[in-house]
Amino acid sequence: MVKVFFVEASGKRREVDAAEGDPLMYAARDAGVAGIIAECGGSAMCATCHCYVVEAPEGSLPEPRMDEADTIEFNAHEPRENSRLTCQIIATPALEGAVFQVATGRD
């Protein structure tokens, strides 16, 4: 398991264990992280798993693919330089301790 943290809109910090090889969205959704809705089930189409990367070990996150970048640009609430879709971030040991702020556009 890979331990990551999600900060909900309320400011509550949630520790989540993600199965190695799975998208972080699954772990966040299954843990009941507020604001991670996952409407499209991980297809990078809805941005209901949109988060901001607050802290991540250097080199632990690959650059977003074009479909993820497009979805963030056109569908995400308040896209930023550090925006990512958690459905597109695969849990790896390199992500241990990473922190993600849930985007506040949806509840």
PDB file of N, CA and C in Angstrom:
ATOM      1  N   MET A   1       0.841  -1.194   0.000  1.00  0.00           N
ATOM      2  CA  MET A   1       0.000   0.000   0.000  1.00  0.00           C
ATOM      3  C   MET A   1       0.882   1.253   0.000  1.00  0.00           C
ATOM      4  N   VAL A   2       0.352   2.281  -0.626  1.00  0.00           N
ATOM      5  CA  VAL A   2       1.040   3.561  -0.715  1.00  0.00           C
ATOM      6  C   VAL A   2       0.216   4.576   0.075  1.00  0.00           C
ATOM      7  N   LYS A   3       0.834   5.200   1.064  1.00  0.00           N
ATOM      8  CA  LYS A   3       0.135   6.173   1.898  1.00  0.00           C
ATOM      9  C   LYS A   3       0.243   7.564   1.265  1.00  0.00           C
ATOM     10  N   VAL A   4      -0.919   8.164   0.985  1.00  0.00           N
ATOM     11  CA  VAL A   4      -0.995   9.538   0.487  1.00  0.00           C
ATOM     12  C   VAL A   4      -1.999  10.290   1.345  1.00  0.00           C
ATOM     13  N   PHE A   5      -2.043  11.590   1.172  1.00  0.00           N
ATOM     14  CA  PHE A   5      -2.937  12.429   1.965  1.00  0.00           C
ATOM     15  C   PHE A   5      -3.788  13.287   1.046  1.00  0.00           C
ATOM     16  N   PHE A   6      -5.053  13.440   1.434  1.00  0.00           N
ATOM     17  CA  PHE A   6      -5.976  14.330   0.738  1.00  0.00           C
ATOM     18  C   PHE A   6      -6.464  15.368   1.731  1.00  0.00           C
ATOM     19  N   VAL A   7      -6.478  16.615   1.313  1.00  0.00           N
ATOM     20  CA  VAL A   7      -7.017  17.696   2.128  1.00  0.00           C
ATOM     21  C   VAL A   7      -8.353  18.085   1.512  1.00  0.00           C
ATOM     22  N   GLU A   8      -9.413  17.878   2.277  1.00  0.00           N
ATOM     23  CA  GLU A   8     -10.757  18.189   1.802  1.00  0.00           C
ATOM     24  C   GLU A   8     -11.007  19.693   1.865  1.00  0.00           C
ATOM     25  N   ALA A   9     -12.056  20.150   1.207  1.00  0.00           N
ATOM     26  CA  ALA A   9     -12.396  21.572   1.197  1.00  0.00           C
ATOM     27  C   ALA A   9     -12.571  22.135   2.600  1.00  0.00           C
ATOM     28  N   SER A  10     -13.012  21.302   3.530  1.00  0.00           N
ATOM     29  CA  SER A  10     -13.207  21.728   4.914  1.00  0.00           C
ATOM     30  C   SER A  10     -11.887  21.956   5.646  1.00  0.00           C
ATOM     31  N   GLY A  11     -10.789  21.490   5.025  1.00  0.00           N
ATOM     32  CA  GLY A  11      -9.481  21.572   5.667  1.00  0.00           C
ATOM     33  C   GLY A  11      -9.084  20.272   6.345  1.00  0.00           C
ATOM     34  N   LYS A  12     -10.012  19.333   6.419  1.00  0.00           N
ATOM     35  CA  LYS A  12      -9.714  18.042   7.041  1.00  0.00           C
ATOM     36  C   LYS A  12      -8.691  17.294   6.202  1.00  0.00           C
ATOM     37  N   ARG A  13      -7.635  16.831   6.847  1.00  0.00           N
ATOM     38  CA  ARG A  13      -6.571  16.077   6.184  1.00  0.00           C
ATOM     39  C   ARG A  13      -6.847  14.589   6.375  1.00  0.00           C
ATOM     40  N   ARG A  14      -6.945  13.853   5.275  1.00  0.00           N
ATOM     41  CA  ARG A  14      -7.276  12.436   5.302  1.00  0.00           C
ATOM     42  C   ARG A  14      -6.088  11.606   4.844  1.00  0.00           C
ATOM     43  N   GLU A  15      -5.686  10.640   5.634  1.00  0.00           N
ATOM     44  CA  GLU A  15      -4.654   9.687   5.252  1.00  0.00           C
ATOM     45  C   GLU A  15      -5.335   8.539   4.520  1.00  0.00           C
ATOM     46  N   VAL A  16      -4.828   8.205   3.340  1.00  0.00           N
ATOM     47  CA  VAL A  16      -5.453   7.179   2.511  1.00  0.00           C
ATOM     48  C   VAL A  16      -4.388   6.188   2.064  1.00  0.00           C
ATOM     49  N   ASP A  17      -4.696   4.913   2.180  1.00  0.00           N
ATOM     50  CA  ASP A  17      -3.819   3.859   1.680  1.00  0.00           C
ATOM     51  C   ASP A  17      -4.312   3.436   0.307  1.00  0.00           C
ATOM     52  N   ALA A  18      -3.441   3.594  -0.691  1.00  0.00           N
ATOM     53  CA  ALA A  18      -3.782   3.235  -2.068  1.00  0.00           C
ATOM     54  C   ALA A  18      -3.041   1.967  -2.457  1.00  0.00           C
ATOM     55  N   ALA A  19      -3.738   1.080  -3.139  1.00  0.00           N
ATOM     56  CA  ALA A  19      -3.111  -0.150  -3.619  1.00  0.00           C
ATOM     57  C   ALA A  19      -2.143   0.184  -4.746  1.00  0.00           C
ATOM     58  N   GLU A  20      -0.940  -0.320  -4.632  1.00  0.00           N
ATOM     59  CA  GLU A  20       0.065  -0.080  -5.659  1.00  0.00           C
ATOM     60  C   GLU A  20      -0.468  -0.554  -7.014  1.00  0.00           C
ATOM     61  N   GLY A  21      -0.345   0.320  -8.021  1.00  0.00           N
ATOM     62  CA  GLY A  21      -0.810   0.004  -9.368  1.00  0.00           C
ATOM     63  C   GLY A  21      -2.209   0.494  -9.676  1.00  0.00           C
ATOM     64  N   ASP A  22      -2.954   0.924  -8.665  1.00  0.00           N
ATOM     65  CA  ASP A  22      -4.307   1.453  -8.869  1.00  0.00           C
ATOM     66  C   ASP A  22      -4.278   2.976  -8.950  1.00  0.00           C
ATOM     67  N   PRO A  23      -5.237   3.566  -9.657  1.00  0.00           N
ATOM     68  CA  PRO A  23      -5.361   5.023  -9.638  1.00  0.00           C
ATOM     69  C   PRO A  23      -5.684   5.522  -8.226  1.00  0.00           C
ATOM     70  N   LEU A  24      -5.142   6.662  -7.857  1.00  0.00           N
ATOM     71  CA  LEU A  24      -5.412   7.229  -6.533  1.00  0.00           C
ATOM     72  C   LEU A  24      -6.899   7.502  -6.327  1.00  0.00           C
ATOM     73  N   MET A  25      -7.612   7.772  -7.399  1.00  0.00           N
ATOM     74  CA  MET A  25      -9.043   8.048  -7.300  1.00  0.00           C
ATOM     75  C   MET A  25      -9.788   6.922  -6.599  1.00  0.00           C
ATOM     76  N   TYR A  26      -9.438   5.676  -6.890  1.00  0.00           N
ATOM     77  CA  TYR A  26     -10.129   4.550  -6.263  1.00  0.00           C
ATOM     78  C   TYR A  26      -9.981   4.592  -4.751  1.00  0.00           C
ATOM     79  N   ALA A  27      -8.767   4.806  -4.293  1.00  0.00           N
ATOM     80  CA  ALA A  27      -8.514   4.829  -2.849  1.00  0.00           C
ATOM     81  C   ALA A  27      -9.244   5.996  -2.194  1.00  0.00           C
ATOM     82  N   ALA A  28      -9.215   7.169  -2.826  1.00  0.00           N
ATOM     83  CA  ALA A  28      -9.880   8.344  -2.267  1.00  0.00           C
ATOM     84  C   ALA A  28     -11.387   8.136  -2.221  1.00  0.00           C
ATOM     85  N   ARG A  29     -11.942   7.635  -3.298  1.00  0.00           N
ATOM     86  CA  ARG A  29     -13.389   7.383  -3.355  1.00  0.00           C
ATOM     87  C   ARG A  29     -13.799   6.351  -2.306  1.00  0.00           C
ATOM     88  N   ASP A  30     -13.054   5.250  -2.241  1.00  0.00           N
ATOM     89  CA  ASP A  30     -13.386   4.184  -1.300  1.00  0.00           C
ATOM     90  C   ASP A  30     -13.230   4.620   0.156  1.00  0.00           C
ATOM     91  N   ALA A  31     -12.332   5.581   0.399  1.00  0.00           N
ATOM     92  CA  ALA A  31     -12.127   6.099   1.753  1.00  0.00           C
ATOM     93  C   ALA A  31     -13.133   7.191   2.102  1.00  0.00           C
ATOM     94  N   GLY A  32     -13.963   7.595   1.135  1.00  0.00           N
ATOM     95  CA  GLY A  32     -14.974   8.614   1.386  1.00  0.00           C
ATOM     96  C   GLY A  32     -14.430  10.020   1.441  1.00  0.00           C
ATOM     97  N   VAL A  33     -13.348  10.292   0.714  1.00  0.00           N
ATOM     98  CA  VAL A  33     -12.803  11.645   0.684  1.00  0.00           C
ATOM     99  C   VAL A  33     -13.840  12.569   0.045  1.00  0.00           C
ATOM    100  N   ALA A  34     -14.252  13.583   0.776  1.00  0.00           N
ATOM    101  CA  ALA A  34     -15.270  14.524   0.296  1.00  0.00           C
ATOM    102  C   ALA A  34     -14.760  15.257  -0.936  1.00  0.00           C
ATOM    103  N   GLY A  35     -15.589  15.281  -1.989  1.00  0.00           N
ATOM    104  CA  GLY A  35     -15.248  15.992  -3.210  1.00  0.00           C
ATOM    105  C   GLY A  35     -14.697  15.106  -4.312  1.00  0.00           C
ATOM    106  N   ILE A  36     -14.371  13.857  -4.006  1.00  0.00           N
ATOM    107  CA  ILE A  36     -13.931  12.916  -5.040  1.00  0.00           C
ATOM    108  C   ILE A  36     -15.164  12.100  -5.439  1.00  0.00           C
ATOM    109  N   ILE A  37     -15.755  12.470  -6.563  1.00  0.00           N
ATOM    110  CA  ILE A  37     -17.015  11.878  -6.985  1.00  0.00           C
ATOM    111  C   ILE A  37     -16.790  10.754  -7.999  1.00  0.00           C
ATOM    112  N   ALA A  38     -15.872  10.954  -8.921  1.00  0.00           N
ATOM    113  CA  ALA A  38     -15.485   9.915  -9.888  1.00  0.00           C
ATOM    114  C   ALA A  38     -16.637   9.495 -10.793  1.00  0.00           C
ATOM    115  N   GLU A  39     -17.334  10.446 -11.376  1.00  0.00           N
ATOM    116  CA  GLU A  39     -18.494  10.155 -12.217  1.00  0.00           C
ATOM    117  C   GLU A  39     -18.177   9.292 -13.427  1.00  0.00           C
ATOM    118  N   CYS A  40     -17.036   9.514 -14.075  1.00  0.00           N
ATOM    119  CA  CYS A  40     -16.742   8.767 -15.303  1.00  0.00           C
ATOM    120  C   CYS A  40     -15.987   7.470 -15.024  1.00  0.00           C
ATOM    121  N   GLY A  41     -15.705   7.186 -13.772  1.00  0.00           N
ATOM    122  CA  GLY A  41     -15.077   5.927 -13.411  1.00  0.00           C
ATOM    123  C   GLY A  41     -13.610   5.813 -13.748  1.00  0.00           C
ATOM    124  N   GLY A  42     -12.973   6.906 -14.074  1.00  0.00           N
ATOM    125  CA  GLY A  42     -11.533   6.872 -14.338  1.00  0.00           C
ATOM    126  C   GLY A  42     -11.149   7.066 -15.784  1.00  0.00           C
ATOM    127  N   SER A  43     -12.044   7.594 -16.594  1.00  0.00           N
ATOM    128  CA  SER A  43     -11.793   7.771 -18.023  1.00  0.00           C
ATOM    129  C   SER A  43     -11.206   9.128 -18.389  1.00  0.00           C
ATOM    130  N   ALA A  44     -10.874   9.941 -17.393  1.00  0.00           N
ATOM    131  CA  ALA A  44     -10.318  11.292 -17.629  1.00  0.00           C
ATOM    132  C   ALA A  44     -11.262  12.154 -18.444  1.00  0.00           C
ATOM    133  N   MET A  45     -12.567  12.061 -18.154  1.00  0.00           N
ATOM    134  CA  MET A  45     -13.540  12.809 -18.937  1.00  0.00           C
ATOM    135  C   MET A  45     -14.361  13.805 -18.136  1.00  0.00           C
ATOM    136  N   CYS A  46     -14.447  13.654 -16.817  1.00  0.00           N
ATOM    137  CA  CYS A  46     -15.410  14.468 -16.079  1.00  0.00           C
ATOM    138  C   CYS A  46     -14.778  15.468 -15.103  1.00  0.00           C
ATOM    139  N   ALA A  47     -13.569  15.231 -14.682  1.00  0.00           N
ATOM    140  CA  ALA A  47     -12.858  16.093 -13.726  1.00  0.00           C
ATOM    141  C   ALA A  47     -13.496  16.110 -12.339  1.00  0.00           C
ATOM    142  N   THR A  48     -14.289  15.092 -12.002  1.00  0.00           N
ATOM    143  CA  THR A  48     -14.870  15.036 -10.661  1.00  0.00           C
ATOM    144  C   THR A  48     -13.931  14.366  -9.661  1.00  0.00           C
ATOM    145  N   CYS A  49     -12.686  14.157 -10.062  1.00  0.00           N
ATOM    146  CA  CYS A  49     -11.645  13.683  -9.149  1.00  0.00           C
ATOM    147  C   CYS A  49     -10.468  14.658  -9.167  1.00  0.00           C
ATOM    148  N   HIS A  50     -10.752  15.878  -9.583  1.00  0.00           N
ATOM    149  CA  HIS A  50      -9.748  16.927  -9.728  1.00  0.00           C
ATOM    150  C   HIS A  50      -9.155  17.322  -8.382  1.00  0.00           C
ATOM    151  N   CYS A  51      -7.836  17.339  -8.326  1.00  0.00           N
ATOM    152  CA  CYS A  51      -7.104  17.768  -7.128  1.00  0.00           C
ATOM    153  C   CYS A  51      -5.930  18.641  -7.537  1.00  0.00           C
ATOM    154  N   TYR A  52      -5.392  19.339  -6.554  1.00  0.00           N
ATOM    155  CA  TYR A  52      -4.162  20.107  -6.730  1.00  0.00           C
ATOM    156  C   TYR A  52      -3.049  19.367  -6.006  1.00  0.00           C
ATOM    157  N   VAL A  53      -1.919  19.227  -6.662  1.00  0.00           N
ATOM    158  CA  VAL A  53      -0.768  18.592  -6.022  1.00  0.00           C
ATOM    159  C   VAL A  53      -0.141  19.627  -5.090  1.00  0.00           C
ATOM    160  N   VAL A  54      -0.185  19.346  -3.803  1.00  0.00           N
ATOM    161  CA  VAL A  54       0.386  20.241  -2.794  1.00  0.00           C
ATOM    162  C   VAL A  54       1.847  19.885  -2.567  1.00  0.00           C
ATOM    163  N   GLU A  55       2.091  18.596  -2.483  1.00  0.00           N
ATOM    164  CA  GLU A  55       3.442  18.124  -2.199  1.00  0.00           C
ATOM    165  C   GLU A  55       3.582  16.710  -2.748  1.00  0.00           C
ATOM    166  N   ALA A  56       4.663  16.468  -3.472  1.00  0.00           N
ATOM    167  CA  ALA A  56       4.944  15.122  -3.980  1.00  0.00           C
ATOM    168  C   ALA A  56       6.450  14.992  -4.149  1.00  0.00           C
ATOM    169  N   PRO A  57       6.985  13.831  -3.825  1.00  0.00           N
ATOM    170  CA  PRO A  57       8.420  13.632  -4.013  1.00  0.00           C
ATOM    171  C   PRO A  57       8.824  13.918  -5.459  1.00  0.00           C
ATOM    172  N   GLU A  58       9.958  14.540  -5.630  1.00  0.00           N
ATOM    173  CA  GLU A  58      10.441  14.892  -6.963  1.00  0.00           C
ATOM    174  C   GLU A  58      10.522  13.653  -7.842  1.00  0.00           C
ATOM    175  N   GLY A  59       9.987  13.790  -9.050  1.00  0.00           N
ATOM    176  CA  GLY A  59      10.019  12.696 -10.012  1.00  0.00           C
ATOM    177  C   GLY A  59       8.960  11.630  -9.820  1.00  0.00           C
ATOM    178  N   SER A  60       8.077  11.803  -8.839  1.00  0.00           N
ATOM    179  CA  SER A  60       7.076  10.769  -8.554  1.00  0.00           C
ATOM    180  C   SER A  60       5.840  10.860  -9.444  1.00  0.00           C
ATOM    181  N   LEU A  61       5.638  12.006 -10.076  1.00  0.00           N
ATOM    182  CA  LEU A  61       4.463  12.198 -10.924  1.00  0.00           C
ATOM    183  C   LEU A  61       4.874  12.441 -12.374  1.00  0.00           C
ATOM    184  N   PRO A  62       4.418  11.587 -13.283  1.00  0.00           N
ATOM    185  CA  PRO A  62       4.682  11.871 -14.693  1.00  0.00           C
ATOM    186  C   PRO A  62       3.855  13.076 -15.132  1.00  0.00           C
ATOM    187  N   GLU A  63       4.250  13.695 -16.219  1.00  0.00           N
ATOM    188  CA  GLU A  63       3.472  14.800 -16.780  1.00  0.00           C
ATOM    189  C   GLU A  63       2.095  14.281 -17.203  1.00  0.00           C
ATOM    190  N   PRO A  64       1.056  15.131 -17.117  1.00  0.00           N
ATOM    191  CA  PRO A  64      -0.279  14.702 -17.555  1.00  0.00           C
ATOM    192  C   PRO A  64      -0.287  14.380 -19.051  1.00  0.00           C
ATOM    193  N   ARG A  65      -1.039  13.348 -19.414  1.00  0.00           N
ATOM    194  CA  ARG A  65      -1.233  13.051 -20.835  1.00  0.00           C
ATOM    195  C   ARG A  65      -2.164  14.106 -21.425  1.00  0.00           C
ATOM    196  N   MET A  66      -2.239  14.156 -22.740  1.00  0.00           N
ATOM    197  CA  MET A  66      -3.047  15.165 -23.437  1.00  0.00           C
ATOM    198  C   MET A  66      -4.518  15.091 -23.045  1.00  0.00           C
ATOM    199  N   ASP A  67      -5.093  13.880 -22.911  1.00  0.00           N
ATOM    200  CA  ASP A  67      -6.509  13.781 -22.565  1.00  0.00           C
ATOM    201  C   ASP A  67      -6.773  14.317 -21.162  1.00  0.00           C
ATOM    202  N   GLU A  68      -5.859  14.063 -20.234  1.00  0.00           N
ATOM    203  CA  GLU A  68      -6.007  14.601 -18.875  1.00  0.00           C
ATOM    204  C   GLU A  68      -5.904  16.123 -18.893  1.00  0.00           C
ATOM    205  N   ALA A  69      -4.913  16.639 -19.595  1.00  0.00           N
ATOM    206  CA  ALA A  69      -4.714  18.095 -19.673  1.00  0.00           C
ATOM    207  C   ALA A  69      -5.934  18.781 -20.292  1.00  0.00           C
ATOM    208  N   ASP A  70      -6.494  18.180 -21.336  1.00  0.00           N
ATOM    209  CA  ASP A  70      -7.683  18.752 -21.978  1.00  0.00           C
ATOM    210  C   ASP A  70      -8.883  18.752 -21.032  1.00  0.00           C
ATOM    211  N   THR A  71      -9.085  17.661 -20.325  1.00  0.00           N
ATOM    212  CA  THR A  71     -10.204  17.586 -19.384  1.00  0.00           C
ATOM    213  C   THR A  71     -10.055  18.620 -18.289  1.00  0.00           C
ATOM    214  N   ILE A  72      -8.853  18.778 -17.776  1.00  0.00           N
ATOM    215  CA  ILE A  72      -8.625  19.799 -16.748  1.00  0.00           C
ATOM    216  C   ILE A  72      -8.920  21.184 -17.311  1.00  0.00           C
ATOM    217  N   GLU A  73      -8.419  21.459 -18.498  1.00  0.00           N
ATOM    218  CA  GLU A  73      -8.603  22.782 -19.099  1.00  0.00           C
ATOM    219  C   GLU A  73     -10.075  23.116 -19.337  1.00  0.00           C
ATOM    220  N   PHE A  74     -10.843  22.141 -19.824  1.00  0.00           N
ATOM    221  CA  PHE A  74     -12.218  22.422 -20.240  1.00  0.00           C
ATOM    222  C   PHE A  74     -13.297  22.052 -19.226  1.00  0.00           C
ATOM    223  N   ASN A  75     -13.000  21.171 -18.271  1.00  0.00           N
ATOM    224  CA  ASN A  75     -14.032  20.695 -17.354  1.00  0.00           C
ATOM    225  C   ASN A  75     -13.760  20.944 -15.877  1.00  0.00           C
ATOM    226  N   ALA A  76     -12.532  21.185 -15.519  1.00  0.00           N
ATOM    227  CA  ALA A  76     -12.190  21.290 -14.099  1.00  0.00           C
ATOM    228  C   ALA A  76     -12.553  22.658 -13.532  1.00  0.00           C
ATOM    229  N   HIS A  77     -12.900  22.651 -12.257  1.00  0.00           N
ATOM    230  CA  HIS A  77     -13.163  23.882 -11.522  1.00  0.00           C
ATOM    231  C   HIS A  77     -11.824  24.511 -11.147  1.00  0.00           C
ATOM    232  N   GLU A  78     -11.613  25.731 -11.555  1.00  0.00           N
ATOM    233  CA  GLU A  78     -10.392  26.489 -11.243  1.00  0.00           C
ATOM    234  C   GLU A  78      -9.105  25.719 -11.544  1.00  0.00           C
ATOM    235  N   PRO A  79      -8.848  25.404 -12.817  1.00  0.00           N
ATOM    236  CA  PRO A  79      -7.596  24.722 -13.148  1.00  0.00           C
ATOM    237  C   PRO A  79      -6.392  25.575 -12.776  1.00  0.00           C
ATOM    238  N   ARG A  80      -5.353  24.897 -12.326  1.00  0.00           N
ATOM    239  CA  ARG A  80      -4.100  25.558 -11.937  1.00  0.00           C
ATOM    240  C   ARG A  80      -2.931  24.771 -12.493  1.00  0.00           C
ATOM    241  N   GLU A  81      -1.751  25.326 -12.353  1.00  0.00           N
ATOM    242  CA  GLU A  81      -0.529  24.649 -12.809  1.00  0.00           C
ATOM    243  C   GLU A  81      -0.365  23.281 -12.149  1.00  0.00           C
ATOM    244  N   ASN A  82      -0.816  23.152 -10.915  1.00  0.00           N
ATOM    245  CA  ASN A  82      -0.639  21.907 -10.164  1.00  0.00           C
ATOM    246  C   ASN A  82      -1.887  21.021 -10.179  1.00  0.00           C
ATOM    247  N   SER A  83      -2.810  21.271 -11.116  1.00  0.00           N
ATOM    248  CA  SER A  83      -4.022  20.457 -11.239  1.00  0.00           C
ATOM    249  C   SER A  83      -3.698  19.089 -11.806  1.00  0.00           C
ATOM    250  N   ARG A  84      -4.366  18.084 -11.248  1.00  0.00           N
ATOM    251  CA  ARG A  84      -4.279  16.717 -11.775  1.00  0.00           C
ATOM    252  C   ARG A  84      -5.616  16.025 -11.543  1.00  0.00           C
ATOM    253  N   LEU A  85      -5.869  15.001 -12.347  1.00  0.00           N
ATOM    254  CA  LEU A  85      -7.009  14.126 -12.135  1.00  0.00           C
ATOM    255  C   LEU A  85      -6.483  12.895 -11.422  1.00  0.00           C
ATOM    256  N   THR A  86      -7.045  12.595 -10.267  1.00  0.00           N
ATOM    257  CA  THR A  86      -6.511  11.478  -9.494  1.00  0.00           C
ATOM    258  C   THR A  86      -6.789  10.133 -10.157  1.00  0.00           C
ATOM    259  N   CYS A  87      -7.686  10.099 -11.123  1.00  0.00           N
ATOM    260  CA  CYS A  87      -7.920   8.857 -11.865  1.00  0.00           C
ATOM    261  C   CYS A  87      -6.746   8.534 -12.783  1.00  0.00           C
ATOM    262  N   GLN A  88      -5.908   9.520 -13.045  1.00  0.00           N
ATOM    263  CA  GLN A  88      -4.784   9.329 -13.956  1.00  0.00           C
ATOM    264  C   GLN A  88      -3.447   9.215 -13.225  1.00  0.00           C
ATOM    265  N   ILE A  89      -3.471   9.258 -11.906  1.00  0.00           N
ATOM    266  CA  ILE A  89      -2.252   9.114 -11.118  1.00  0.00           C
ATOM    267  C   ILE A  89      -2.241   7.714 -10.512  1.00  0.00           C
ATOM    268  N   ILE A  90      -1.276   6.921 -10.932  1.00  0.00           N
ATOM    269  CA  ILE A  90      -1.164   5.540 -10.464  1.00  0.00           C
ATOM    270  C   ILE A  90      -0.328   5.511  -9.185  1.00  0.00           C
ATOM    271  N   ALA A  91      -0.829   4.790  -8.192  1.00  0.00           N
ATOM    272  CA  ALA A  91      -0.116   4.668  -6.912  1.00  0.00           C
ATOM    273  C   ALA A  91       1.165   3.858  -7.116  1.00  0.00           C
ATOM    274  N   THR A  92       2.272   4.471  -6.778  1.00  0.00           N
ATOM    275  CA  THR A  92       3.575   3.815  -6.812  1.00  0.00           C
ATOM    276  C   THR A  92       4.282   4.141  -5.505  1.00  0.00           C
ATOM    277  N   PRO A  93       5.257   3.338  -5.111  1.00  0.00           N
ATOM    278  CA  PRO A  93       5.991   3.638  -3.884  1.00  0.00           C
ATOM    279  C   PRO A  93       6.618   5.040  -3.894  1.00  0.00           C
ATOM    280  N   ALA A  94       6.940   5.565  -5.066  1.00  0.00           N
ATOM    281  CA  ALA A  94       7.535   6.899  -5.167  1.00  0.00           C
ATOM    282  C   ALA A  94       6.587   7.994  -4.691  1.00  0.00           C
ATOM    283  N   LEU A  95       5.279   7.713  -4.668  1.00  0.00           N
ATOM    284  CA  LEU A  95       4.286   8.712  -4.242  1.00  0.00           C
ATOM    285  C   LEU A  95       4.063   8.729  -2.732  1.00  0.00           C
ATOM    286  N   GLU A  96       4.711   7.850  -2.011  1.00  0.00           N
ATOM    287  CA  GLU A  96       4.526   7.769  -0.554  1.00  0.00           C
ATOM    288  C   GLU A  96       4.640   9.157   0.079  1.00  0.00           C
ATOM    289  N   GLY A  97       3.592   9.540   0.819  1.00  0.00           N
ATOM    290  CA  GLY A  97       3.584  10.812   1.531  1.00  0.00           C
ATOM    291  C   GLY A  97       3.096  12.000   0.726  1.00  0.00           C
ATOM    292  N   ALA A  98       2.736  11.815  -0.542  1.00  0.00           N
ATOM    293  CA  ALA A  98       2.260  12.925  -1.373  1.00  0.00           C
ATOM    294  C   ALA A  98       0.969  13.499  -0.783  1.00  0.00           C
ATOM    295  N   VAL A  99       0.755  14.794  -1.019  1.00  0.00           N
ATOM    296  CA  VAL A  99      -0.416  15.492  -0.486  1.00  0.00           C
ATOM    297  C   VAL A  99      -1.177  16.135  -1.645  1.00  0.00           C
ATOM    298  N   PHE A 100      -2.490  15.926  -1.669  1.00  0.00           N
ATOM    299  CA  PHE A 100      -3.366  16.458  -2.704  1.00  0.00           C
ATOM    300  C   PHE A 100      -4.501  17.233  -2.062  1.00  0.00           C
ATOM    301  N   GLN A 101      -4.768  18.437  -2.573  1.00  0.00           N
ATOM    302  CA  GLN A 101      -5.896  19.262  -2.114  1.00  0.00           C
ATOM    303  C   GLN A 101      -7.051  19.023  -3.060  1.00  0.00           C
ATOM    304  N   VAL A 102      -8.199  18.604  -2.545  1.00  0.00           N
ATOM    305  CA  VAL A 102      -9.379  18.376  -3.364  1.00  0.00           C
ATOM    306  C   VAL A 102      -9.854  19.731  -3.906  1.00  0.00           C
ATOM    307  N   ALA A 103     -10.046  19.803  -5.217  1.00  0.00           N
ATOM    308  CA  ALA A 103     -10.589  21.021  -5.814  1.00  0.00           C
ATOM    309  C   ALA A 103     -12.005  21.210  -5.303  1.00  0.00           C
ATOM    310  N   THR A 104     -12.410  22.430  -5.091  1.00  0.00           N
ATOM    311  CA  THR A 104     -13.654  22.697  -4.369  1.00  0.00           C
ATOM    312  C   THR A 104     -14.866  22.966  -5.257  1.00  0.00           C
ATOM    313  N   GLY A 105     -14.822  22.607  -6.511  1.00  0.00           N
ATOM    314  CA  GLY A 105     -15.937  22.906  -7.416  1.00  0.00           C
ATOM    315  C   GLY A 105     -17.144  22.035  -7.249  1.00  0.00           C
ATOM    316  N   ARG A 106     -17.005  20.857  -6.640  1.00  0.00           N
ATOM    317  CA  ARG A 106     -18.126  19.934  -6.515  1.00  0.00           C
ATOM    318  C   ARG A 106     -18.115  19.316  -5.136  1.00  0.00           C
ATOM    319  N   ASP A 107     -19.275  18.921  -4.661  1.00  0.00           N
ATOM    320  CA  ASP A 107     -19.389  18.260  -3.361  1.00  0.00           C
ATOM    321  C   ASP A 107     -20.001  16.895  -3.515  1.00  0.00           C
TER     322      ASP A 107
END
